[in-house]
Amino acid sequence: MIRQTILKRLRLAACLLPLAVMSVATPAHAWTRTPHAVVGWIAEAELKKDNPAVWQKVKALLGDGELYDEAVAKWADDVRTSYPNLAHSVRIPVLGTVPLASDPACIADSPQTICADKAIAQYSAILHDASGHSAAERLDALKFILHLVGDLHQPLHGTEPGGAQTKVIIPGGILNVDAGGNAIATDIHSVWDYAIVKRHLGNDGTANTLGWELWGNTSLNPPVGGTARDWAVESRDLAKKYIFLDPVTPSSNDAYKVAACGGRTGIVCPSTAKVLPADYETRNYYLVSYRLKQAGLRLADVLVNALTTTI
């Protein structure tokens, strides 16, 4: 009876998501389509190796698709306007203490918003409930889980601010040169979404090639486990350490860091873009690759927990 009551509430919340009328201002999409597809690639490889029965259940929902299909991996971004109260992040202040999981850390002044950590739990319950949901509903839940697990491993999707208002110039950066070869500014969020992975892949790399690379790299062995909330806190802590300046304690790496401003910090971002070192993208690739592989392995665990036995 308790399980049925919980699932009924989750189903009701899921049905209400598209009907909410108030939009939430959130930063740019986390990871672009290729990194999201890499997360799916790693999860699929892990399931095929260790849990083929669960993979068959995933495949039954996907039909002709794969978890690493970019159309599948980016679907949740494509439908964002239909789910205005579903945040692809957990907004944990980078300048302060980490709130309790029960606190509205995602959007403190928007209590109707469902944060990514809670959404993963909600959609996992839908995926698990084969008798109470149609195959189409469970496929949507699967695609949301795939995407949101990846999102929470992008460091700037566990933080407040998210970096969308922080302008930077990386000399020769992927996003910092226009068609005429002139230097232009971009935001630090987009650098982490796209430019770091693009710099590594070049013009010919794909989700498939990067998936193979990360999967075969046995020295890249990130820990798994934890809850979706834990993953968000990890992202916040990584952003605090590697992306944002500490306003109190300077470090030797401050040339690579930006001010924590904008969003709900109450701090106005500088009007002039900060010039970061030319090796910023390559320097931060290891952290991005680490989080992508970690996200893929954790996604596999989420799917195993949801699909090993269904109701």
Protein backbone atom coordinates (compact mmCIF):
# COMPACT_ATOMS: atom_id res chain seq x y z
CA MET A 1 0.00 0.00 0.00
CA ILE A 2 2.82 2.41 0.88
CA ARG A 3 4.58 1.67 -2.41
CA GLN A 4 1.35 2.23 -4.36
CA THR A 5 0.78 5.56 -2.60
CA ILE A 6 4.32 6.76 -3.36
CA LEU A 7 4.05 5.74 -7.01
CA LYS A 8 0.67 7.47 -7.34
CA ARG A 9 2.24 10.70 -6.06
CA LEU A 10 5.18 10.35 -8.40
CA ARG A 11 2.89 9.73 -11.36
CA LEU A 12 0.81 12.78 -10.44
CA ALA A 13 3.94 14.94 -10.19
CA ALA A 14 5.12 13.68 -13.56
CA CYS A 15 1.78 14.49 -15.17
CA LEU A 16 1.77 17.98 -13.71
CA LEU A 17 5.25 18.91 -14.92
CA PRO A 18 4.28 19.97 -18.46
CA LEU A 19 1.26 21.87 -17.17
CA ALA A 20 3.13 24.25 -14.91
CA VAL A 21 2.81 27.82 -16.09
CA MET A 22 5.75 29.56 -14.44
CA SER A 23 9.10 29.25 -16.20
CA VAL A 24 12.39 29.09 -14.35
CA ALA A 25 15.46 30.96 -15.54
CA THR A 26 18.24 28.38 -15.80
CA PRO A 27 21.69 28.45 -17.38
CA ALA A 28 22.51 27.06 -20.79
CA HIS A 29 22.08 23.35 -21.41
CA ALA A 30 24.58 21.12 -19.65
CA TRP A 31 26.84 19.12 -21.91
CA THR A 32 25.93 19.39 -25.58
CA ARG A 33 24.67 16.39 -27.53
CA THR A 34 28.00 14.60 -28.00
CA PRO A 35 28.98 14.47 -24.30
CA HIS A 36 25.46 13.33 -23.41
CA ALA A 37 25.75 10.58 -26.01
CA VAL A 38 29.10 9.53 -24.53
CA VAL A 39 27.40 9.03 -21.15
CA GLY A 40 24.88 6.78 -22.89
CA TRP A 41 27.65 4.91 -24.72
CA ILE A 42 29.47 4.06 -21.50
CA ALA A 43 26.25 3.02 -19.73
CA GLU A 44 25.28 0.80 -22.65
CA ALA A 45 28.71 -0.85 -22.75
CA GLU A 46 28.56 -1.47 -19.00
CA LEU A 47 25.09 -3.02 -19.19
CA LYS A 48 25.98 -5.25 -22.13
CA LYS A 49 29.04 -6.50 -20.23
CA ASP A 50 27.67 -6.97 -16.72
CA ASN A 51 23.86 -6.93 -16.94
CA PRO A 52 22.69 -8.18 -20.35
CA ALA A 53 19.20 -8.93 -19.03
CA VAL A 54 18.76 -5.30 -18.00
CA TRP A 55 20.17 -4.18 -21.33
CA GLN A 56 17.51 -6.22 -23.12
CA LYS A 57 14.82 -4.38 -21.15
CA VAL A 58 16.39 -1.05 -22.10
CA LYS A 59 16.63 -2.15 -25.72
CA ALA A 60 12.98 -3.20 -25.73
CA LEU A 61 12.04 0.38 -24.84
CA LEU A 62 14.49 1.98 -27.27
CA GLY A 63 13.49 -0.15 -30.25
CA ASP A 64 15.91 0.67 -33.04
CA GLY A 65 17.66 3.30 -30.93
CA GLU A 66 20.73 3.16 -28.71
CA LEU A 67 21.55 5.01 -25.51
CA TYR A 68 24.36 6.76 -27.37
CA ASP A 69 22.17 8.03 -30.20
CA GLU A 70 22.44 11.80 -30.03
CA ALA A 71 18.71 12.16 -30.70
CA VAL A 72 18.00 10.01 -27.63
CA ALA A 73 20.66 11.57 -25.43
CA LYS A 74 19.64 15.18 -26.13
CA TRP A 75 15.88 14.59 -26.20
CA ALA A 76 15.35 16.08 -22.74
CA ASP A 77 16.84 19.36 -23.97
CA ASP A 78 14.60 19.30 -27.03
CA VAL A 79 11.46 19.18 -24.85
CA ARG A 80 12.56 21.65 -22.17
CA THR A 81 9.88 24.19 -23.03
CA SER A 82 7.22 21.56 -22.36
CA TYR A 83 8.64 20.95 -18.88
CA PRO A 84 9.27 24.49 -17.56
CA ASN A 85 9.43 23.42 -13.91
CA LEU A 86 11.94 20.63 -14.43
CA ALA A 87 15.44 21.96 -13.71
CA HIS A 88 18.39 20.14 -15.27
CA SER A 89 20.49 21.14 -12.28
CA VAL A 90 20.69 21.48 -8.52
CA ARG A 91 21.60 25.03 -7.61
CA ILE A 92 23.89 24.67 -4.58
CA PRO A 93 25.58 27.96 -3.58
CA VAL A 94 29.29 27.87 -4.33
CA LEU A 95 29.90 30.74 -1.88
CA GLY A 96 28.57 29.24 1.30
CA THR A 97 27.56 26.04 2.99
CA VAL A 98 25.82 23.16 1.27
CA PRO A 99 22.14 23.13 2.26
CA LEU A 100 20.48 19.98 3.50
CA ALA A 101 18.98 17.79 0.79
CA SER A 102 15.53 18.66 2.13
CA ASP A 103 16.13 22.37 1.49
CA PRO A 104 15.12 23.97 -1.84
CA ALA A 105 18.74 24.22 -2.99
CA CYS A 106 17.78 23.94 -6.63
CA ILE A 107 15.86 27.20 -7.01
CA ALA A 108 15.34 28.59 -3.52
CA ASP A 109 12.79 31.19 -4.63
CA SER A 110 10.92 28.77 -6.91
CA PRO A 111 9.48 25.99 -4.72
CA GLN A 112 7.45 24.54 -7.60
CA THR A 113 10.66 23.62 -9.42
CA ILE A 114 11.66 19.95 -9.45
CA CYS A 115 15.43 19.67 -9.25
CA ALA A 116 17.39 17.15 -11.32
CA ASP A 117 18.21 14.96 -8.31
CA LYS A 118 14.56 14.58 -7.36
CA ALA A 119 13.54 14.19 -11.00
CA ILE A 120 15.90 11.24 -11.42
CA ALA A 121 14.21 9.49 -8.50
CA GLN A 122 10.79 10.32 -9.92
CA TYR A 123 11.54 9.02 -13.40
CA SER A 124 13.31 5.95 -12.01
CA ALA A 125 10.08 5.04 -10.23
CA ILE A 126 8.14 5.42 -13.48
CA LEU A 127 10.67 3.27 -15.35
CA HIS A 128 10.39 0.63 -12.62
CA ASP A 129 6.58 0.56 -12.73
CA ALA A 130 5.95 -1.47 -15.88
CA SER A 131 2.39 -2.29 -14.90
CA GLY A 132 1.38 1.27 -14.12
CA HIS A 133 2.86 3.09 -17.11
CA SER A 134 2.80 2.66 -20.85
CA ALA A 135 5.90 1.81 -22.83
CA ALA A 136 5.91 5.36 -24.22
CA GLU A 137 5.84 6.87 -20.72
CA ARG A 138 8.65 4.60 -19.60
CA LEU A 139 10.71 5.44 -22.68
CA ASP A 140 10.36 9.13 -21.86
CA ALA A 141 11.42 8.37 -18.29
CA LEU A 142 14.45 6.48 -19.58
CA LYS A 143 15.49 9.40 -21.76
CA PHE A 144 15.07 11.86 -18.91
CA ILE A 145 17.21 9.67 -16.63
CA LEU A 146 19.91 9.34 -19.29
CA HIS A 147 20.07 13.08 -19.74
CA LEU A 148 19.75 14.24 -16.15
CA VAL A 149 22.38 11.86 -14.79
CA GLY A 150 24.76 13.35 -17.33
CA ASP A 151 23.69 16.89 -16.43
CA LEU A 152 24.47 16.45 -12.74
CA HIS A 153 28.05 15.49 -13.60
CA GLN A 154 28.72 18.77 -15.41
CA PRO A 155 30.30 20.80 -12.57
CA LEU A 156 28.34 23.96 -13.33
CA HIS A 157 25.04 22.13 -12.97
CA GLY A 158 25.54 21.63 -9.27
CA THR A 159 26.27 25.26 -8.53
CA GLU A 160 24.78 28.66 -7.95
CA PRO A 161 25.89 30.54 -10.02
CA GLY A 162 25.89 28.42 -13.15
CA GLY A 163 28.34 30.61 -15.03
CA ALA A 164 26.06 31.67 -17.87
CA GLN A 165 26.64 35.36 -17.10
CA THR A 166 30.41 35.08 -16.68
CA LYS A 167 32.10 36.14 -19.91
CA VAL A 168 35.54 34.82 -20.83
CA ILE A 169 38.00 34.87 -23.69
CA ILE A 170 40.36 31.95 -24.26
CA PRO A 171 42.97 32.89 -26.88
CA GLY A 172 42.26 30.59 -29.82
CA GLY A 173 39.40 28.99 -27.88
CA ILE A 174 36.78 26.90 -29.66
CA LEU A 175 34.06 29.45 -28.93
CA ASN A 176 36.26 32.53 -28.91
CA VAL A 177 36.95 33.09 -32.60
CA ASP A 178 34.34 34.32 -35.06
CA ALA A 179 34.14 33.49 -38.76
CA GLY A 180 36.49 36.35 -39.54
CA GLY A 181 39.13 35.16 -37.08
CA ASN A 182 38.37 37.86 -34.53
CA ALA A 183 38.44 37.18 -30.79
CA ILE A 184 35.01 37.13 -29.18
CA ALA A 185 33.77 36.43 -25.68
CA THR A 186 31.69 33.46 -24.58
CA ASP A 187 30.38 32.36 -21.19
CA ILE A 188 32.19 29.94 -18.94
CA HIS A 189 29.17 27.62 -18.85
CA SER A 190 29.37 27.06 -22.61
CA VAL A 191 33.08 26.34 -22.35
CA TRP A 192 32.32 23.45 -19.99
CA ASP A 193 29.28 22.32 -21.98
CA TYR A 194 31.01 22.15 -25.32
CA ALA A 195 34.41 23.68 -25.91
CA ILE A 196 36.50 21.41 -23.69
CA VAL A 197 35.17 18.23 -25.31
CA LYS A 198 35.28 19.76 -28.79
CA ARG A 199 38.91 20.76 -28.33
CA HIS A 200 39.78 17.15 -27.52
CA LEU A 201 37.70 15.58 -30.30
CA GLY A 202 38.69 17.96 -33.08
CA ASN A 203 36.69 17.89 -36.30
CA ASP A 204 36.53 14.11 -36.72
CA GLY A 205 35.79 12.81 -33.22
CA THR A 206 32.35 11.42 -32.35
CA ALA A 207 30.51 10.10 -29.32
CA ASN A 208 31.47 6.63 -30.47
CA THR A 209 35.19 7.38 -30.64
CA LEU A 210 35.18 9.17 -27.28
CA GLY A 211 33.11 6.40 -25.71
CA TRP A 212 35.65 3.80 -26.81
CA GLU A 213 38.49 5.99 -25.58
CA LEU A 214 37.06 6.49 -22.09
CA TRP A 215 35.81 2.92 -21.79
CA GLY A 216 39.22 1.55 -22.70
CA ASN A 217 41.12 3.88 -20.38
CA THR A 218 41.57 1.65 -17.33
CA SER A 219 43.54 4.36 -15.52
CA LEU A 220 40.37 6.47 -15.56
CA ASN A 221 38.59 4.69 -12.75
CA PRO A 222 36.18 7.07 -10.99
CA PRO A 223 34.22 5.88 -7.96
CA VAL A 224 30.54 5.14 -8.44
CA GLY A 225 27.63 4.81 -6.04
CA GLY A 226 26.06 7.63 -4.08
CA THR A 227 22.78 9.41 -4.67
CA ALA A 228 21.88 11.96 -7.31
CA ARG A 229 22.09 14.58 -4.59
CA ASP A 230 25.65 13.42 -3.81
CA TRP A 231 26.57 13.81 -7.49
CA ALA A 232 25.30 17.39 -7.45
CA VAL A 233 27.34 18.17 -4.35
CA GLU A 234 30.39 16.66 -6.06
CA SER A 235 29.83 18.97 -9.03
CA ARG A 236 29.48 21.97 -6.75
CA ASP A 237 32.69 21.09 -4.92
CA LEU A 238 34.58 20.59 -8.20
CA ALA A 239 33.35 23.95 -9.50
CA LYS A 240 34.37 25.60 -6.25
CA LYS A 241 37.86 24.07 -6.50
CA TYR A 242 38.60 24.38 -10.22
CA ILE A 243 36.30 26.98 -11.79
CA PHE A 244 35.48 29.78 -9.34
CA LEU A 245 37.74 32.18 -7.50
CA ASP A 246 37.73 31.99 -3.73
CA PRO A 247 37.03 35.59 -2.64
CA VAL A 248 38.91 35.05 0.63
CA THR A 249 41.81 32.70 -0.12
CA PRO A 250 43.83 33.23 -3.32
CA SER A 251 45.45 30.24 -5.00
CA SER A 252 48.24 29.65 -7.48
CA ASN A 253 45.64 28.67 -10.11
CA ASP A 254 43.59 31.86 -9.96
CA ALA A 255 44.48 32.75 -13.55
CA TYR A 256 42.29 29.79 -14.58
CA LYS A 257 39.35 30.79 -12.38
CA VAL A 258 36.46 33.22 -12.72
CA ALA A 259 34.39 35.22 -10.28
CA ALA A 260 31.33 33.57 -8.78
CA CYS A 261 28.75 36.09 -9.91
CA GLY A 262 25.36 36.41 -11.51
CA GLY A 263 22.42 34.10 -11.02
CA ARG A 264 21.08 34.37 -7.49
CA THR A 265 24.40 35.37 -5.90
CA GLY A 266 23.48 39.05 -5.84
CA ILE A 267 26.94 39.79 -7.27
CA VAL A 268 27.07 41.62 -10.59
CA CYS A 269 29.42 40.00 -13.10
CA PRO A 270 32.22 42.13 -14.57
CA SER A 271 31.29 43.86 -17.81
CA THR A 272 34.68 42.96 -19.29
CA ALA A 273 35.40 39.35 -20.22
CA LYS A 274 38.21 37.69 -18.30
CA VAL A 275 41.04 36.44 -20.48
CA LEU A 276 41.88 32.88 -19.46
CA PRO A 277 45.13 31.05 -20.35
CA ALA A 278 45.27 29.59 -23.85
CA ASP A 279 45.53 26.04 -22.49
CA TYR A 280 42.32 26.30 -20.45
CA GLU A 281 40.40 23.79 -22.57
CA THR A 282 43.13 21.14 -22.68
CA ARG A 283 44.00 21.65 -19.02
CA ASN A 284 40.44 20.87 -17.92
CA TYR A 285 39.81 17.92 -20.25
CA TYR A 286 40.88 15.33 -17.67
CA LEU A 287 38.21 16.50 -15.23
CA VAL A 288 35.56 16.47 -17.97
CA SER A 289 36.56 12.97 -19.13
CA TYR A 290 36.50 11.76 -15.52
CA ARG A 291 32.98 13.07 -14.96
CA LEU A 292 31.67 11.73 -18.28
CA LYS A 293 32.89 8.23 -17.50
CA GLN A 294 31.60 8.48 -13.94
CA ALA A 295 28.19 9.58 -15.22
CA GLY A 296 28.00 6.65 -17.64
CA LEU A 297 28.87 4.09 -14.98
CA ARG A 298 26.39 5.58 -12.55
CA LEU A 299 23.69 5.70 -15.21
CA ALA A 300 24.15 1.96 -15.70
CA ASP A 301 23.65 1.47 -11.95
CA VAL A 302 20.48 3.57 -11.97
CA LEU A 303 19.05 1.46 -14.79
CA VAL A 304 20.01 -1.79 -13.07
CA ASN A 305 18.24 -0.67 -9.90
CA ALA A 306 15.14 0.39 -11.82
CA LEU A 307 14.89 -2.58 -14.19
CA THR A 308 16.34 -5.70 -12.55
CA THR A 309 12.88 -6.37 -11.17
CA THR A 310 9.87 -4.35 -12.30
CA ILE A 311 6.32 -4.15 -11.00
